[in-house]
Structure formats: C-alpha cells, structure tokens
Amino acid sequence: MAYTVKITAPAEADVYAAFERIREVSPDSADKWLRNLFAALQTLEEMPARCPLISEADELGRPVRHLLYGKRSGTYRIIFDIQEQSKDGPIVRIFRIWRGTRDAITAEDIETEH
C-alpha cells in the first residue's frame, strides 16, 4: 500500500533552516543533503511502520515515529505519524525534522492545523 507523505509547515521550516545552516559552511554539501533528505522522505511511501516509535510517544499519547537521517553529529530525526484512515487515503504526516541532539519532542512541537 502506498502512503502519501505530507510535510507540515513546521517541518518544512525545519528543513530550510537546516539547509541554510549547512549552506553557510558548505554549499555543495547543503544541496546534496537536501536531495538526500527528500529521497529519505520518499521511502516513507512504503512501509512507514518499519520506523520505531519515539521514546516520547507515551507522553504524547499517540504513536509518533521517527526515521533517522544522516550520520554522527549530523543525524536528524524525521518525526511523523501514520494515518491509515483519512479522506485522502493512507498518509504519513511529517511533523518536524530536528537534529538528533535536540531536546525531546513535546505535544506543542507537533501540533498542526487541521
């Protein structure tokens, strides 16, 4: 079953903020990082449940997952949930894309407009 991957406005802002930080240091690396990030997001179209629940899921009261992207200190958490039943078919909703070293996710961090 193919899922539609939808990126929320906060996640999109996270992506471009990270891209700008990387671009300041290495423009060529930033372009590659962005291309590969979108390729990683596309992998969520198939079997997104392969990704583990985040440690904060119990506190959030819902099954939020993450896909890790990058290496070492450049690892990012792609934080998302899966909506099997929606009017648009099955959806993977990307809430945030944060550096792996950042603080734990809270409910306020993943609130989206409905």
N, C-alpha and C. Protein backbone atom coordinates (compact mmCIF):
# COMPACT_ATOMS: atom_id res chain seq x y z
N MET A 1 0.84 -1.17 0.00
CA MET A 1 0.00 0.00 0.00
C MET A 1 0.88 1.24 0.00
N ALA A 2 0.64 2.16 -0.89
CA ALA A 2 1.42 3.39 -0.96
C ALA A 2 0.78 4.47 -0.08
N TYR A 3 1.60 5.13 0.66
CA TYR A 3 1.18 6.23 1.53
C TYR A 3 1.53 7.55 0.85
N THR A 4 0.73 8.56 1.11
CA THR A 4 1.06 9.91 0.68
C THR A 4 1.83 10.56 1.82
N VAL A 5 2.98 11.13 1.50
CA VAL A 5 3.80 11.80 2.51
C VAL A 5 3.48 13.29 2.47
N LYS A 6 3.00 13.81 3.60
CA LYS A 6 2.66 15.23 3.70
C LYS A 6 3.57 15.88 4.74
N ILE A 7 4.17 16.98 4.35
CA ILE A 7 5.08 17.71 5.23
C ILE A 7 4.35 18.91 5.80
N THR A 8 4.28 19.01 7.11
CA THR A 8 3.62 20.15 7.75
C THR A 8 4.49 21.40 7.59
N ALA A 9 3.88 22.55 7.79
CA ALA A 9 4.61 23.81 7.70
C ALA A 9 5.79 23.88 8.68
N PRO A 10 5.63 23.44 9.94
CA PRO A 10 6.79 23.47 10.84
C PRO A 10 7.94 22.58 10.35
N ALA A 11 7.62 21.42 9.78
CA ALA A 11 8.66 20.53 9.28
C ALA A 11 9.37 21.16 8.08
N GLU A 12 8.60 21.80 7.22
CA GLU A 12 9.20 22.47 6.06
C GLU A 12 10.14 23.59 6.52
N ALA A 13 9.72 24.33 7.53
CA ALA A 13 10.58 25.39 8.07
C ALA A 13 11.85 24.79 8.67
N ASP A 14 11.72 23.64 9.35
CA ASP A 14 12.90 22.95 9.91
C ASP A 14 13.89 22.59 8.82
N VAL A 15 13.37 22.07 7.69
CA VAL A 15 14.23 21.64 6.58
C VAL A 15 15.03 22.81 6.04
N TYR A 16 14.35 23.90 5.76
CA TYR A 16 15.05 25.02 5.15
C TYR A 16 15.97 25.75 6.12
N ALA A 17 15.66 25.73 7.40
CA ALA A 17 16.58 26.31 8.39
C ALA A 17 17.86 25.47 8.45
N ALA A 18 17.71 24.15 8.45
CA ALA A 18 18.88 23.26 8.47
C ALA A 18 19.69 23.44 7.19
N PHE A 19 19.00 23.50 6.06
CA PHE A 19 19.68 23.70 4.77
C PHE A 19 20.52 24.98 4.80
N GLU A 20 19.96 26.06 5.31
CA GLU A 20 20.70 27.33 5.36
C GLU A 20 21.92 27.24 6.27
N ARG A 21 21.77 26.54 7.41
CA ARG A 21 22.92 26.37 8.31
C ARG A 21 24.04 25.60 7.61
N ILE A 22 23.68 24.54 6.91
CA ILE A 22 24.67 23.72 6.22
C ILE A 22 25.28 24.51 5.07
N ARG A 23 24.46 25.27 4.36
CA ARG A 23 24.93 26.04 3.20
C ARG A 23 25.97 27.09 3.58
N GLU A 24 25.84 27.65 4.79
CA GLU A 24 26.82 28.63 5.24
C GLU A 24 28.22 28.03 5.31
N VAL A 25 28.30 26.76 5.65
CA VAL A 25 29.58 26.09 5.80
C VAL A 25 30.04 25.45 4.49
N SER A 26 29.08 24.82 3.78
CA SER A 26 29.43 24.08 2.57
C SER A 26 28.25 24.04 1.60
N PRO A 27 28.22 24.96 0.63
CA PRO A 27 27.10 24.99 -0.31
C PRO A 27 26.88 23.68 -1.06
N ASP A 28 27.94 23.02 -1.49
CA ASP A 28 27.79 21.76 -2.22
C ASP A 28 27.20 20.67 -1.32
N SER A 29 27.63 20.63 -0.09
CA SER A 29 27.10 19.65 0.85
C SER A 29 25.64 19.91 1.15
N ALA A 30 25.25 21.17 1.22
CA ALA A 30 23.85 21.52 1.51
C ALA A 30 22.92 21.02 0.41
N ASP A 31 23.31 21.20 -0.84
CA ASP A 31 22.49 20.71 -1.95
C ASP A 31 22.33 19.20 -1.89
N LYS A 32 23.42 18.51 -1.64
CA LYS A 32 23.38 17.04 -1.54
C LYS A 32 22.52 16.62 -0.34
N TRP A 33 22.69 17.29 0.79
CA TRP A 33 21.91 16.98 1.98
C TRP A 33 20.42 17.10 1.70
N LEU A 34 20.02 18.18 1.03
CA LEU A 34 18.61 18.41 0.75
C LEU A 34 18.05 17.35 -0.20
N ARG A 35 18.79 17.04 -1.26
CA ARG A 35 18.34 15.99 -2.20
C ARG A 35 18.16 14.66 -1.49
N ASN A 36 19.14 14.30 -0.67
CA ASN A 36 19.08 13.01 0.03
C ASN A 36 18.00 12.99 1.11
N LEU A 37 17.74 14.14 1.73
CA LEU A 37 16.65 14.21 2.71
C LEU A 37 15.32 13.91 2.03
N PHE A 38 15.07 14.54 0.89
CA PHE A 38 13.80 14.30 0.20
C PHE A 38 13.72 12.85 -0.30
N ALA A 39 14.84 12.26 -0.65
CA ALA A 39 14.85 10.83 -1.02
C ALA A 39 14.48 9.98 0.19
N ALA A 40 15.00 10.33 1.37
CA ALA A 40 14.66 9.60 2.60
C ALA A 40 13.18 9.74 2.91
N LEU A 41 12.62 10.93 2.73
CA LEU A 41 11.20 11.14 2.96
C LEU A 41 10.36 10.26 2.02
N GLN A 42 10.81 10.13 0.80
CA GLN A 42 10.08 9.30 -0.17
C GLN A 42 10.02 7.84 0.25
N THR A 43 11.02 7.38 1.00
CA THR A 43 11.00 5.98 1.43
C THR A 43 9.83 5.69 2.36
N LEU A 44 9.25 6.73 2.94
CA LEU A 44 8.12 6.55 3.85
C LEU A 44 6.82 6.25 3.10
N GLU A 45 6.86 6.33 1.78
CA GLU A 45 5.68 5.98 0.98
C GLU A 45 5.37 4.49 1.09
N GLU A 46 6.37 3.70 1.37
CA GLU A 46 6.21 2.25 1.51
C GLU A 46 6.67 1.84 2.92
N MET A 47 5.85 1.13 3.63
CA MET A 47 6.15 0.57 4.94
C MET A 47 6.68 1.58 5.97
N PRO A 48 5.98 2.66 6.22
CA PRO A 48 6.47 3.62 7.22
C PRO A 48 6.48 3.04 8.64
N ALA A 49 5.69 2.01 8.88
CA ALA A 49 5.66 1.40 10.21
C ALA A 49 6.95 0.65 10.54
N ARG A 50 7.86 0.55 9.59
CA ARG A 50 9.16 -0.06 9.86
C ARG A 50 9.99 0.79 10.82
N CYS A 51 9.63 2.06 10.90
CA CYS A 51 10.36 3.00 11.77
C CYS A 51 9.84 2.88 13.19
N PRO A 52 10.73 3.00 14.16
CA PRO A 52 10.30 2.80 15.55
C PRO A 52 9.50 3.96 16.12
N LEU A 53 8.71 3.64 17.12
CA LEU A 53 8.04 4.68 17.90
C LEU A 53 9.10 5.48 18.63
N ILE A 54 8.85 6.77 18.79
CA ILE A 54 9.81 7.60 19.53
C ILE A 54 9.62 7.38 21.02
N SER A 55 10.65 7.66 21.77
CA SER A 55 10.58 7.46 23.22
C SER A 55 9.53 8.37 23.87
N GLU A 56 9.21 9.47 23.23
CA GLU A 56 8.23 10.41 23.76
C GLU A 56 6.80 10.02 23.45
N ALA A 57 6.56 8.95 22.70
CA ALA A 57 5.22 8.59 22.23
C ALA A 57 4.24 8.40 23.38
N ASP A 58 4.65 7.76 24.46
CA ASP A 58 3.75 7.56 25.60
C ASP A 58 3.30 8.90 26.19
N GLU A 59 4.24 9.82 26.36
CA GLU A 59 3.90 11.13 26.90
C GLU A 59 2.99 11.90 25.95
N LEU A 60 3.17 11.71 24.65
CA LEU A 60 2.34 12.40 23.66
C LEU A 60 0.96 11.77 23.54
N GLY A 61 0.85 10.52 23.99
CA GLY A 61 -0.43 9.83 23.94
C GLY A 61 -0.84 9.37 22.56
N ARG A 62 0.14 9.21 21.68
CA ARG A 62 -0.16 8.72 20.33
C ARG A 62 1.08 8.09 19.72
N PRO A 63 0.90 7.25 18.71
CA PRO A 63 2.03 6.52 18.13
C PRO A 63 2.82 7.35 17.11
N VAL A 64 3.70 8.17 17.61
CA VAL A 64 4.56 9.00 16.77
C VAL A 64 5.86 8.24 16.56
N ARG A 65 6.35 8.26 15.33
CA ARG A 65 7.56 7.50 14.95
C ARG A 65 8.64 8.46 14.46
N HIS A 66 9.83 7.88 14.23
CA HIS A 66 10.87 8.68 13.59
C HIS A 66 11.71 7.83 12.65
N LEU A 67 12.22 8.51 11.64
CA LEU A 67 13.20 7.95 10.72
C LEU A 67 14.45 8.77 10.92
N LEU A 68 15.56 8.11 11.17
CA LEU A 68 16.82 8.83 11.36
C LEU A 68 17.47 9.05 10.00
N TYR A 69 17.95 10.27 9.79
CA TYR A 69 18.60 10.63 8.54
C TYR A 69 19.92 11.32 8.85
N GLY A 70 20.98 10.88 8.21
CA GLY A 70 22.30 11.49 8.40
C GLY A 70 23.21 10.58 9.20
N LYS A 71 24.36 11.13 9.56
CA LYS A 71 25.38 10.36 10.27
C LYS A 71 25.94 11.18 11.43
N ARG A 72 26.37 10.47 12.43
CA ARG A 72 27.05 11.03 13.60
C ARG A 72 26.38 12.31 14.11
N SER A 73 27.12 13.39 14.22
CA SER A 73 26.56 14.62 14.77
C SER A 73 25.61 15.31 13.79
N GLY A 74 25.55 14.82 12.56
CA GLY A 74 24.65 15.38 11.56
C GLY A 74 23.37 14.57 11.39
N THR A 75 23.00 13.80 12.41
CA THR A 75 21.79 12.99 12.33
C THR A 75 20.56 13.83 12.65
N TYR A 76 19.53 13.65 11.84
CA TYR A 76 18.26 14.34 12.04
C TYR A 76 17.16 13.33 12.29
N ARG A 77 16.20 13.70 13.10
CA ARG A 77 15.02 12.88 13.37
C ARG A 77 13.86 13.40 12.52
N ILE A 78 13.37 12.57 11.64
CA ILE A 78 12.18 12.89 10.85
C ILE A 78 11.02 12.34 11.66
N ILE A 79 10.25 13.21 12.28
CA ILE A 79 9.21 12.80 13.23
C ILE A 79 7.85 12.84 12.54
N PHE A 80 7.14 11.70 12.61
CA PHE A 80 5.91 11.58 11.84
C PHE A 80 4.91 10.64 12.50
N ASP A 81 3.68 10.68 12.00
CA ASP A 81 2.70 9.66 12.37
C ASP A 81 2.11 9.08 11.10
N ILE A 82 1.35 8.03 11.27
CA ILE A 82 0.72 7.32 10.16
C ILE A 82 -0.78 7.41 10.37
N GLN A 83 -1.47 7.86 9.36
CA GLN A 83 -2.93 7.91 9.40
C GLN A 83 -3.44 6.95 8.32
N GLU A 84 -3.87 5.79 8.77
CA GLU A 84 -4.34 4.76 7.84
C GLU A 84 -5.67 5.16 7.21
N GLN A 85 -6.53 5.77 8.01
CA GLN A 85 -7.88 6.13 7.56
C GLN A 85 -7.98 7.64 7.44
N SER A 86 -7.90 8.15 6.25
CA SER A 86 -8.15 9.58 6.02
C SER A 86 -8.93 9.70 4.71
N LYS A 87 -9.54 10.84 4.51
CA LYS A 87 -10.32 11.03 3.29
C LYS A 87 -9.45 10.96 2.04
N ASP A 88 -8.14 11.23 2.19
CA ASP A 88 -7.21 11.19 1.06
C ASP A 88 -6.47 9.87 0.94
N GLY A 89 -6.89 8.86 1.70
CA GLY A 89 -6.17 7.59 1.71
C GLY A 89 -5.10 7.60 2.80
N PRO A 90 -4.28 6.56 2.87
CA PRO A 90 -3.27 6.49 3.94
C PRO A 90 -2.21 7.58 3.79
N ILE A 91 -1.91 8.21 4.92
CA ILE A 91 -0.99 9.36 4.93
C ILE A 91 0.09 9.18 5.98
N VAL A 92 1.29 9.61 5.62
CA VAL A 92 2.38 9.79 6.57
C VAL A 92 2.51 11.30 6.73
N ARG A 93 2.30 11.78 7.95
CA ARG A 93 2.33 13.21 8.22
C ARG A 93 3.63 13.55 8.96
N ILE A 94 4.49 14.33 8.31
CA ILE A 94 5.78 14.72 8.88
C ILE A 94 5.56 15.95 9.75
N PHE A 95 5.83 15.81 11.05
CA PHE A 95 5.65 16.91 11.99
C PHE A 95 6.86 17.82 12.08
N ARG A 96 8.02 17.23 12.28
CA ARG A 96 9.25 18.01 12.50
C ARG A 96 10.42 17.24 11.90
N ILE A 97 11.48 18.00 11.61
CA ILE A 97 12.75 17.41 11.19
C ILE A 97 13.81 18.13 12.01
N TRP A 98 14.25 17.45 13.06
CA TRP A 98 15.12 18.06 14.06
C TRP A 98 16.45 17.33 14.16
N ARG A 99 17.47 18.09 14.53
CA ARG A 99 18.78 17.49 14.84
C ARG A 99 18.58 16.47 15.94
N GLY A 100 19.28 15.37 15.84
CA GLY A 100 19.16 14.30 16.82
C GLY A 100 19.56 14.71 18.22
N THR A 101 20.37 15.75 18.34
CA THR A 101 20.84 16.20 19.66
C THR A 101 19.87 17.15 20.35
N ARG A 102 18.81 17.49 19.67
CA ARG A 102 17.84 18.44 20.23
C ARG A 102 17.03 17.80 21.36
N ASP A 103 16.41 18.64 22.20
CA ASP A 103 15.60 18.16 23.31
C ASP A 103 14.45 17.28 22.84
N ALA A 104 13.83 16.61 23.77
CA ALA A 104 12.69 15.74 23.49
C ALA A 104 11.53 16.53 22.86
N ILE A 105 10.75 15.84 22.07
CA ILE A 105 9.58 16.43 21.41
C ILE A 105 8.44 16.55 22.43
N THR A 106 7.72 17.66 22.37
CA THR A 106 6.54 17.84 23.23
C THR A 106 5.31 17.92 22.34
N ALA A 107 4.15 17.87 22.95
CA ALA A 107 2.89 17.97 22.20
C ALA A 107 2.83 19.29 21.43
N GLU A 108 3.31 20.37 22.01
CA GLU A 108 3.29 21.67 21.34
C GLU A 108 4.15 21.67 20.08
N ASP A 109 5.22 20.86 20.09
CA ASP A 109 6.12 20.80 18.94
C ASP A 109 5.50 20.15 17.71
N ILE A 110 4.49 19.31 17.94
CA ILE A 110 3.91 18.57 16.81
C ILE A 110 2.46 18.94 16.54
N GLU A 111 1.97 19.99 17.15
CA GLU A 111 0.62 20.43 16.85
C GLU A 111 0.58 20.95 15.43
N THR A 112 -0.47 20.58 14.72
CA THR A 112 -0.65 21.05 13.34
C THR A 112 -2.06 21.56 13.18
N GLU A 113 -2.23 22.35 12.17
CA GLU A 113 -3.58 22.82 11.85
C GLU A 113 -4.36 21.67 11.24
N HIS A 114 -5.63 21.60 11.49
CA HIS A 114 -6.45 20.51 10.95
C HIS A 114 -7.35 21.03 9.87
